[in-house]
Amino acid sequence: MTKPRVLIADSMSSQALASFEDRGVEAVQPGKLSEQELLDTIGDFDGLAIRSATKVTAELLEHAE
């Protein structure tokens, strides 16, 4: 069984990242992504973690699995 993967789209503390890992979730924080990069990438993940910099739009949700 593979671990669920979460894309961290905004800056988060190391404690936040550790919380995901402690729960068996692979947290990937690639750094600042353009809107197009986010659209191209979101389909590879099981979840998305944001704070306030990233706006979740209907178009983004359409690209999610």
N, C-alpha and C. Protein backbone atom coordinates (compact mmCIF):
# COMPACT_ATOMS: atom_id res chain seq x y z
N MET A 1 0.84 -1.18 0.00
CA MET A 1 0.00 0.00 0.00
C MET A 1 0.89 1.24 0.00
N THR A 2 0.56 2.18 -0.87
CA THR A 2 1.36 3.40 -0.93
C THR A 2 0.79 4.45 0.01
N LYS A 3 1.68 5.29 0.47
CA LYS A 3 1.26 6.38 1.35
C LYS A 3 0.50 7.42 0.54
N PRO A 4 -0.55 8.01 1.13
CA PRO A 4 -1.20 9.12 0.45
C PRO A 4 -0.21 10.28 0.31
N ARG A 5 -0.38 11.05 -0.75
CA ARG A 5 0.51 12.18 -1.02
C ARG A 5 -0.27 13.48 -0.98
N VAL A 6 0.28 14.46 -0.30
CA VAL A 6 -0.33 15.78 -0.20
C VAL A 6 0.63 16.81 -0.76
N LEU A 7 0.11 17.65 -1.62
CA LEU A 7 0.89 18.76 -2.16
C LEU A 7 0.73 19.94 -1.23
N ILE A 8 1.85 20.45 -0.73
CA ILE A 8 1.85 21.63 0.12
C ILE A 8 2.11 22.82 -0.80
N ALA A 9 1.06 23.59 -1.09
CA ALA A 9 1.18 24.65 -2.08
C ALA A 9 1.68 25.97 -1.50
N ASP A 10 1.57 26.15 -0.19
CA ASP A 10 2.02 27.38 0.45
C ASP A 10 3.09 27.06 1.48
N SER A 11 3.78 28.07 1.94
CA SER A 11 4.80 27.87 2.96
C SER A 11 4.16 27.36 4.24
N MET A 12 4.74 26.33 4.80
CA MET A 12 4.28 25.78 6.07
C MET A 12 5.50 25.45 6.92
N SER A 13 5.28 25.45 8.20
CA SER A 13 6.38 25.18 9.13
C SER A 13 6.81 23.73 9.06
N SER A 14 7.98 23.48 9.57
CA SER A 14 8.47 22.09 9.62
C SER A 14 7.57 21.25 10.53
N GLN A 15 6.95 21.88 11.53
CA GLN A 15 6.03 21.15 12.41
C GLN A 15 4.80 20.68 11.63
N ALA A 16 4.29 21.50 10.73
CA ALA A 16 3.15 21.12 9.91
C ALA A 16 3.52 19.93 9.02
N LEU A 17 4.69 20.01 8.41
CA LEU A 17 5.14 18.91 7.57
C LEU A 17 5.31 17.64 8.38
N ALA A 18 5.86 17.76 9.57
CA ALA A 18 6.04 16.59 10.44
C ALA A 18 4.69 15.98 10.84
N SER A 19 3.67 16.80 11.00
CA SER A 19 2.34 16.29 11.34
C SER A 19 1.81 15.37 10.25
N PHE A 20 2.03 15.75 9.00
CA PHE A 20 1.62 14.87 7.90
C PHE A 20 2.40 13.56 7.95
N GLU A 21 3.72 13.67 8.06
CA GLU A 21 4.57 12.48 8.06
C GLU A 21 4.25 11.56 9.24
N ASP A 22 3.96 12.14 10.40
CA ASP A 22 3.62 11.35 11.58
C ASP A 22 2.35 10.53 11.37
N ARG A 23 1.52 10.98 10.46
CA ARG A 23 0.25 10.30 10.18
C ARG A 23 0.32 9.42 8.94
N GLY A 24 1.54 9.22 8.44
CA GLY A 24 1.74 8.33 7.30
C GLY A 24 1.42 8.95 5.96
N VAL A 25 1.45 10.27 5.90
CA VAL A 25 1.16 10.99 4.66
C VAL A 25 2.46 11.59 4.13
N GLU A 26 2.73 11.37 2.86
CA GLU A 26 3.91 11.98 2.24
C GLU A 26 3.56 13.42 1.87
N ALA A 27 4.24 14.35 2.48
CA ALA A 27 4.00 15.78 2.22
C ALA A 27 5.08 16.29 1.29
N VAL A 28 4.67 16.85 0.16
CA VAL A 28 5.61 17.36 -0.84
C VAL A 28 5.44 18.87 -0.92
N GLN A 29 6.51 19.58 -0.64
CA GLN A 29 6.48 21.05 -0.68
C GLN A 29 7.50 21.51 -1.71
N PRO A 30 7.07 21.66 -2.99
CA PRO A 30 8.02 21.99 -4.06
C PRO A 30 8.44 23.45 -4.11
N GLY A 31 7.86 24.29 -3.31
CA GLY A 31 8.15 25.72 -3.39
C GLY A 31 7.05 26.41 -4.17
N LYS A 32 7.25 27.67 -4.47
CA LYS A 32 6.23 28.47 -5.15
C LYS A 32 5.96 27.91 -6.54
N LEU A 33 4.69 27.57 -6.79
CA LEU A 33 4.28 27.07 -8.09
C LEU A 33 3.43 28.13 -8.79
N SER A 34 3.62 28.25 -10.09
CA SER A 34 2.74 29.14 -10.86
C SER A 34 1.36 28.48 -10.93
N GLU A 35 0.37 29.25 -11.33
CA GLU A 35 -0.98 28.69 -11.46
C GLU A 35 -0.97 27.51 -12.43
N GLN A 36 -0.26 27.64 -13.54
CA GLN A 36 -0.19 26.55 -14.53
C GLN A 36 0.52 25.33 -13.97
N GLU A 37 1.60 25.53 -13.24
CA GLU A 37 2.31 24.41 -12.62
C GLU A 37 1.42 23.68 -11.62
N LEU A 38 0.64 24.43 -10.88
CA LEU A 38 -0.29 23.82 -9.93
C LEU A 38 -1.34 23.00 -10.66
N LEU A 39 -1.88 23.54 -11.74
CA LEU A 39 -2.86 22.80 -12.54
C LEU A 39 -2.26 21.52 -13.12
N ASP A 40 -1.01 21.60 -13.56
CA ASP A 40 -0.33 20.44 -14.16
C ASP A 40 0.04 19.39 -13.13
N THR A 41 0.19 19.78 -11.87
CA THR A 41 0.72 18.91 -10.83
C THR A 41 -0.35 18.30 -9.93
N ILE A 42 -1.45 18.97 -9.71
CA ILE A 42 -2.42 18.57 -8.69
C ILE A 42 -2.95 17.15 -8.90
N GLY A 43 -3.05 16.71 -10.13
CA GLY A 43 -3.57 15.37 -10.41
C GLY A 43 -2.71 14.23 -9.89
N ASP A 44 -1.48 14.52 -9.53
CA ASP A 44 -0.55 13.50 -9.02
C ASP A 44 -0.66 13.31 -7.51
N PHE A 45 -1.58 14.04 -6.86
CA PHE A 45 -1.66 14.03 -5.40
C PHE A 45 -3.05 13.64 -4.92
N ASP A 46 -3.08 13.17 -3.68
CA ASP A 46 -4.34 12.77 -3.04
C ASP A 46 -4.97 13.93 -2.27
N GLY A 47 -4.18 14.95 -1.99
CA GLY A 47 -4.70 16.08 -1.23
C GLY A 47 -3.89 17.33 -1.51
N LEU A 48 -4.43 18.45 -1.07
CA LEU A 48 -3.79 19.75 -1.25
C LEU A 48 -3.87 20.49 0.07
N ALA A 49 -2.75 20.99 0.54
CA ALA A 49 -2.71 21.81 1.76
C ALA A 49 -2.31 23.22 1.36
N ILE A 50 -3.12 24.18 1.81
CA ILE A 50 -2.86 25.58 1.50
C ILE A 50 -3.01 26.41 2.77
N ARG A 51 -2.57 27.63 2.69
CA ARG A 51 -2.84 28.61 3.75
C ARG A 51 -3.70 29.69 3.11
N SER A 52 -3.12 30.80 2.71
CA SER A 52 -3.95 31.83 2.10
C SER A 52 -3.40 32.34 0.76
N ALA A 53 -2.19 31.97 0.42
CA ALA A 53 -1.60 32.46 -0.83
C ALA A 53 -2.19 31.77 -2.06
N THR A 54 -2.50 30.50 -1.93
CA THR A 54 -3.04 29.73 -3.06
C THR A 54 -4.56 29.81 -3.04
N LYS A 55 -5.12 30.13 -4.19
CA LYS A 55 -6.57 30.19 -4.34
C LYS A 55 -7.04 28.91 -5.03
N VAL A 56 -7.97 28.21 -4.40
CA VAL A 56 -8.53 26.99 -4.98
C VAL A 56 -9.73 27.39 -5.82
N THR A 57 -9.60 27.19 -7.12
CA THR A 57 -10.64 27.57 -8.06
C THR A 57 -11.34 26.32 -8.60
N ALA A 58 -12.45 26.53 -9.27
CA ALA A 58 -13.16 25.41 -9.90
C ALA A 58 -12.25 24.73 -10.93
N GLU A 59 -11.48 25.50 -11.66
CA GLU A 59 -10.56 24.93 -12.65
C GLU A 59 -9.53 24.03 -11.96
N LEU A 60 -9.00 24.46 -10.83
CA LEU A 60 -8.02 23.64 -10.12
C LEU A 60 -8.67 22.33 -9.67
N LEU A 61 -9.87 22.40 -9.13
CA LEU A 61 -10.56 21.19 -8.69
C LEU A 61 -10.84 20.24 -9.85
N GLU A 62 -11.08 20.78 -11.04
CA GLU A 62 -11.30 19.93 -12.21
C GLU A 62 -10.06 19.13 -12.58
N HIS A 63 -8.88 19.64 -12.24
CA HIS A 63 -7.62 18.96 -12.54
C HIS A 63 -7.24 17.94 -11.47
N ALA A 64 -7.90 17.99 -10.32
CA ALA A 64 -7.61 17.05 -9.24
C ALA A 64 -8.26 15.71 -9.56
N GLU A 65 -7.69 14.67 -8.99
CA GLU A 65 -8.25 13.31 -9.19
C GLU A 65 -9.34 13.02 -8.20
